[in-house]
Amino acid sequence: MTPKQPLFTTERLLVRHFYPSDLNNFAALCADEKVMRYMGDGTLLPRAEVARWIDICQEKYARRGYGTSAVFEKESGSFIGYCGVVRAPDRDFDELVYAYHVASWGQGYATEAGRAMLRYVFAHSALDRIYATIAAANSASIHVAQKLGMHFEKQVIDEEGMVVDYYVVERS
């Protein structure tokens, strides 16, 4: 296993790969109803599923060099959430994803980490476009996407009947 070196840092954040030792922190985040409200179908993820997610992350890092990554506040060293670019098995595009503990909301962390993650992935991949699929009711995430320079592409109704907005940013 590689050492826990950061993928990148920002003014306030350290972003690195997930490791099995992150399971407690990651599982707590994915068990929070407020955090998971707009993630996928809104279902809370059991600990075993989060452990499997970490294993998948390790495979993605080995194959692609990026995936879902752990985000820490530099000053406190606290785990505050995750950010990454992933390709879901049922999708034909790569997508920016992120989630943060409620105590971290409203502090600009999603924008700060998202901006750096997009820069990192564009620098380390051949991708020309990265999407964000956002529940139309999630105005905070729509605002983050817009601040990241993403533009609205389309709106669809997904298989659960949720209205989802597609935002996209292109390699500049």
Protein backbone atom coordinates (compact mmCIF):
# COMPACT_ATOMS: atom_id res chain seq x y z
CA MET A 1 0.00 0.00 0.00
CA THR A 2 1.23 3.47 -0.82
CA PRO A 3 1.99 5.93 1.95
CA LYS A 4 -0.74 8.37 2.92
CA GLN A 5 0.62 11.23 0.85
CA PRO A 6 -1.81 13.91 -0.27
CA LEU A 7 -2.99 14.01 -3.87
CA PHE A 8 -3.02 17.75 -3.37
CA THR A 9 -3.52 20.42 -0.78
CA THR A 10 -5.39 23.69 -0.95
CA GLU A 11 -5.23 26.70 1.31
CA ARG A 12 -7.31 24.95 3.98
CA LEU A 13 -7.59 21.31 2.90
CA LEU A 14 -5.57 18.14 2.43
CA VAL A 15 -6.96 15.58 -0.03
CA ARG A 16 -5.65 12.02 -0.21
CA HIS A 17 -6.70 8.51 -1.15
CA PHE A 18 -9.00 6.55 1.14
CA TYR A 19 -7.46 3.67 3.11
CA PRO A 20 -9.05 0.88 5.16
CA SER A 21 -8.05 2.83 8.29
CA ASP A 22 -10.53 5.54 7.20
CA LEU A 23 -13.50 3.19 7.53
CA ASN A 24 -14.86 4.61 10.82
CA ASN A 25 -14.80 8.20 9.57
CA PHE A 26 -16.19 7.35 6.13
CA ALA A 27 -18.91 5.06 7.53
CA ALA A 28 -20.06 7.77 9.98
CA LEU A 29 -20.40 10.25 7.11
CA CYS A 30 -22.40 7.78 5.01
CA ALA A 31 -24.72 7.02 7.97
CA ASP A 32 -25.83 10.66 8.33
CA GLU A 33 -29.32 11.26 6.92
CA LYS A 34 -28.68 14.95 6.19
CA VAL A 35 -25.45 14.20 4.32
CA MET A 36 -26.94 11.34 2.31
CA ARG A 37 -30.24 13.05 1.48
CA TYR A 38 -29.23 13.84 -2.11
CA MET A 39 -26.62 11.12 -2.60
CA GLY A 40 -27.87 8.46 -5.01
CA ASP A 41 -31.34 7.46 -3.87
CA GLY A 42 -30.76 8.92 -0.39
CA THR A 43 -30.18 5.54 1.25
CA LEU A 44 -27.77 5.40 4.17
CA LEU A 45 -24.81 3.13 3.49
CA PRO A 46 -24.06 0.30 5.92
CA ARG A 47 -20.50 -0.07 7.19
CA ALA A 48 -19.86 -3.17 5.02
CA GLU A 49 -20.83 -1.25 1.88
CA VAL A 50 -18.54 1.64 2.82
CA ALA A 51 -15.69 -0.86 3.35
CA ARG A 52 -16.39 -2.24 -0.13
CA TRP A 53 -16.36 1.34 -1.49
CA ILE A 54 -12.88 1.86 -0.02
CA ASP A 55 -11.72 -1.36 -1.75
CA ILE A 56 -13.15 -0.09 -5.07
CA CYS A 57 -11.38 3.24 -4.49
CA GLN A 58 -8.08 1.40 -4.12
CA GLU A 59 -8.68 -0.37 -7.46
CA LYS A 60 -9.56 2.95 -9.16
CA TYR A 61 -6.44 4.64 -7.79
CA ALA A 62 -4.29 1.81 -9.16
CA ARG A 63 -5.97 1.90 -12.59
CA ARG A 64 -6.73 5.60 -13.06
CA GLY A 65 -4.77 7.49 -10.41
CA TYR A 66 -7.88 9.11 -8.95
CA GLY A 67 -11.34 8.32 -7.59
CA THR A 68 -13.18 9.20 -4.42
CA SER A 69 -10.72 10.82 -2.01
CA ALA A 70 -10.74 11.71 1.67
CA VAL A 71 -10.79 15.42 2.55
CA PHE A 72 -9.22 16.72 5.76
CA GLU A 73 -9.12 20.16 7.27
CA LYS A 74 -5.43 21.13 7.39
CA GLU A 75 -5.59 23.12 10.61
CA SER A 76 -7.38 20.52 12.75
CA GLY A 77 -6.47 17.37 10.80
CA SER A 78 -10.15 16.38 10.98
CA PHE A 79 -11.81 14.25 8.32
CA ILE A 80 -14.58 16.45 6.89
CA GLY A 81 -15.79 14.47 3.88
CA TYR A 82 -14.91 13.26 0.43
CA CYS A 83 -14.47 14.59 -3.08
CA GLY A 84 -13.56 12.82 -6.28
CA VAL A 85 -14.17 12.11 -9.92
CA VAL A 86 -15.72 8.71 -10.55
CA ARG A 87 -17.44 6.71 -13.26
CA ALA A 88 -20.41 4.77 -11.92
CA PRO A 89 -20.89 1.30 -13.42
CA ASP A 90 -24.16 2.37 -15.05
CA ARG A 91 -22.77 5.61 -16.55
CA ASP A 92 -20.74 6.42 -19.66
CA PHE A 93 -19.24 9.60 -18.22
CA ASP A 94 -17.05 10.73 -15.36
CA GLU A 95 -18.64 12.70 -12.56
CA LEU A 96 -17.52 15.01 -9.77
CA VAL A 97 -18.89 13.75 -6.44
CA TYR A 98 -18.56 15.12 -2.93
CA ALA A 99 -20.13 15.01 0.51
CA TYR A 100 -19.16 16.75 3.73
CA HIS A 101 -20.12 16.53 7.39
CA VAL A 102 -22.93 18.95 8.23
CA ALA A 103 -20.59 20.91 10.54
CA SER A 104 -18.49 21.70 7.44
CA TRP A 105 -21.35 23.01 5.29
CA GLY A 106 -21.37 26.64 4.25
CA GLN A 107 -17.61 27.14 4.62
CA GLY A 108 -16.64 26.86 0.97
CA TYR A 109 -14.94 23.46 1.33
CA ALA A 110 -16.91 21.82 -1.51
CA THR A 111 -15.90 24.59 -3.91
CA GLU A 112 -12.27 24.64 -2.71
CA ALA A 113 -11.80 20.87 -2.96
CA GLY A 114 -13.91 20.59 -6.13
CA ARG A 115 -11.87 23.19 -7.98
CA ALA A 116 -8.60 21.49 -7.03
CA MET A 117 -9.99 18.02 -7.83
CA LEU A 118 -11.10 19.08 -11.31
CA ARG A 119 -7.67 20.60 -11.94
CA TYR A 120 -5.96 17.43 -10.66
CA VAL A 121 -8.06 15.03 -12.76
CA PHE A 122 -7.76 17.07 -15.95
CA ALA A 123 -3.97 17.15 -15.41
CA HIS A 124 -3.78 13.37 -14.81
CA SER A 125 -6.25 12.04 -17.37
CA ALA A 126 -7.34 12.37 -20.98
CA LEU A 127 -10.87 13.39 -19.98
CA ASP A 128 -12.32 16.31 -21.93
CA ARG A 129 -15.51 16.69 -19.85
CA ILE A 130 -16.52 16.06 -16.26
CA TYR A 131 -20.14 16.08 -15.19
CA ALA A 132 -22.02 16.64 -11.95
CA THR A 133 -25.47 15.12 -11.58
CA ILE A 134 -27.37 17.04 -8.93
CA ALA A 135 -30.88 16.65 -7.54
CA ALA A 136 -32.74 19.70 -8.82
CA ALA A 137 -33.85 20.42 -5.24
CA ASN A 138 -30.23 20.57 -4.02
CA SER A 139 -29.66 24.30 -4.49
CA ALA A 140 -26.42 24.28 -2.46
CA SER A 141 -24.74 21.77 -4.80
CA ILE A 142 -26.05 23.57 -7.86
CA HIS A 143 -24.44 26.75 -6.51
CA VAL A 144 -21.13 24.89 -6.02
CA ALA A 145 -21.25 23.51 -9.58
CA GLN A 146 -21.81 27.00 -10.95
CA LYS A 147 -18.92 28.41 -8.87
CA LEU A 148 -16.74 25.65 -10.33
CA GLY A 149 -17.49 26.91 -13.83
CA MET A 150 -19.85 24.08 -14.67
CA HIS A 151 -22.77 24.88 -16.92
CA PHE A 152 -26.24 23.37 -17.03
CA GLU A 153 -26.65 20.83 -19.81
CA LYS A 154 -29.96 19.07 -19.24
CA GLN A 155 -32.56 17.91 -16.76
CA VAL A 156 -33.82 14.32 -16.55
CA ILE A 157 -36.13 12.28 -14.36
CA ASP A 158 -34.17 9.31 -13.03
CA GLU A 159 -35.38 5.75 -12.40
CA GLU A 160 -36.58 6.71 -8.88
CA GLY A 161 -38.60 9.61 -10.27
CA MET A 162 -36.17 12.28 -8.98
CA VAL A 163 -35.53 15.36 -11.10
CA VAL A 164 -31.77 15.54 -11.78
CA ASP A 165 -29.82 18.39 -13.33
CA TYR A 166 -26.70 17.63 -15.36
CA TYR A 167 -23.87 20.16 -15.17
CA VAL A 168 -20.64 19.86 -17.13
CA VAL A 169 -17.21 21.44 -17.28
CA GLU A 170 -14.81 20.99 -20.16
CA ARG A 171 -11.05 20.88 -20.22
CA SER A 172 -9.86 24.42 -20.81
